[in-house]
Amino acid sequence: MSGAVGSQFVVSNLSSVRLSYNYDQAATNQIEDNQSVGLGFATSLTNRLQFGVDAKAGLSKDAPDTRMGIRLNMGF
């Protein structure tokens, strides 16, 4: 079982910030469940192009300590 909950907050007409919590149940008893919190920022570069940065921090022992990424969204 897994689940996620979060909120997105509009900072300006072009930008937003996201906060999230993620939970993934372990597939075996040999590892713990994975829990993490995330923070993301996105801004529109044009009407059809959006750039974002995301980061996650692990809360449980077997979760990755940190993860970071960048996003480029294109609309049509």
Protein backbone atom coordinates (compact mmCIF):
# COMPACT_ATOMS: atom_id res chain seq x y z
CA MET A 1 0.00 0.00 0.00
CA SER A 2 1.18 3.52 -0.72
CA GLY A 3 -0.19 7.00 -0.56
CA ALA A 4 0.66 10.66 -0.85
CA VAL A 5 -0.89 13.90 0.32
CA GLY A 6 0.15 17.43 -0.42
CA SER A 7 -0.74 21.01 -1.16
CA GLN A 8 0.23 23.51 -3.79
CA PHE A 9 0.44 27.20 -2.93
CA VAL A 10 0.38 29.92 -5.57
CA VAL A 11 3.17 32.42 -4.92
CA SER A 12 2.52 34.69 -7.92
CA ASN A 13 0.81 34.59 -11.31
CA LEU A 14 3.72 32.52 -12.63
CA SER A 15 5.06 30.55 -9.64
CA SER A 16 3.93 27.97 -7.08
CA VAL A 17 5.33 25.95 -4.16
CA ARG A 18 4.34 22.36 -3.32
CA LEU A 19 4.59 20.48 -0.02
CA SER A 20 3.97 16.73 0.19
CA TYR A 21 4.14 13.64 2.41
CA ASN A 22 4.64 10.18 0.88
CA TYR A 23 4.21 6.73 2.40
CA ASP A 24 5.12 3.40 0.78
CA GLN A 25 4.58 0.14 2.65
CA ALA A 26 7.57 -2.21 2.53
CA ALA A 27 7.24 -5.25 0.27
CA THR A 28 9.00 -7.50 2.81
CA ASN A 29 9.58 -7.59 6.57
CA GLN A 30 13.32 -7.15 6.01
CA ILE A 31 13.02 -3.40 5.41
CA GLU A 32 10.98 -0.62 6.99
CA ASP A 33 8.19 1.34 5.35
CA ASN A 34 9.33 4.32 3.29
CA GLN A 35 8.21 7.76 4.48
CA SER A 36 9.34 11.10 3.06
CA VAL A 37 8.45 14.78 2.84
CA GLY A 38 8.83 16.83 -0.31
CA LEU A 39 9.19 20.45 -1.32
CA GLY A 40 8.95 21.77 -4.86
CA PHE A 41 9.01 25.07 -6.69
CA ALA A 42 7.74 25.71 -10.22
CA THR A 43 7.62 28.79 -12.42
CA SER A 44 6.30 29.45 -15.90
CA LEU A 45 8.94 30.47 -18.41
CA THR A 46 6.41 30.99 -21.23
CA ASN A 47 2.71 30.18 -21.77
CA ARG A 48 3.67 26.61 -22.69
CA LEU A 49 6.89 25.99 -20.76
CA GLN A 50 7.29 25.48 -17.01
CA PHE A 51 10.51 24.84 -15.05
CA GLY A 52 10.54 23.22 -11.61
CA VAL A 53 12.87 22.02 -8.85
CA ASP A 54 11.87 19.23 -6.44
CA ALA A 55 13.50 17.84 -3.29
CA LYS A 56 12.53 15.01 -0.91
CA ALA A 57 13.88 14.07 2.50
CA GLY A 58 13.52 10.59 3.96
CA LEU A 59 11.87 10.26 7.36
CA SER A 60 12.28 6.52 7.90
CA LYS A 61 15.45 4.45 8.27
CA ASP A 62 15.21 2.67 4.92
CA ALA A 63 14.05 5.68 2.88
CA PRO A 64 16.63 7.50 0.76
CA ASP A 65 18.15 10.36 2.80
CA THR A 66 17.54 12.95 0.08
CA ARG A 67 16.43 13.14 -3.54
CA MET A 68 16.57 16.15 -5.82
CA GLY A 69 15.37 16.72 -9.35
CA ILE A 70 14.47 19.25 -11.99
CA ARG A 71 11.38 19.29 -14.21
CA LEU A 72 10.64 20.85 -17.56
CA ASN A 73 6.94 20.72 -18.47
CA MET A 74 5.78 21.50 -21.99
CA GLY A 75 2.16 22.11 -22.91
CA PHE A 76 0.46 22.06 -26.30
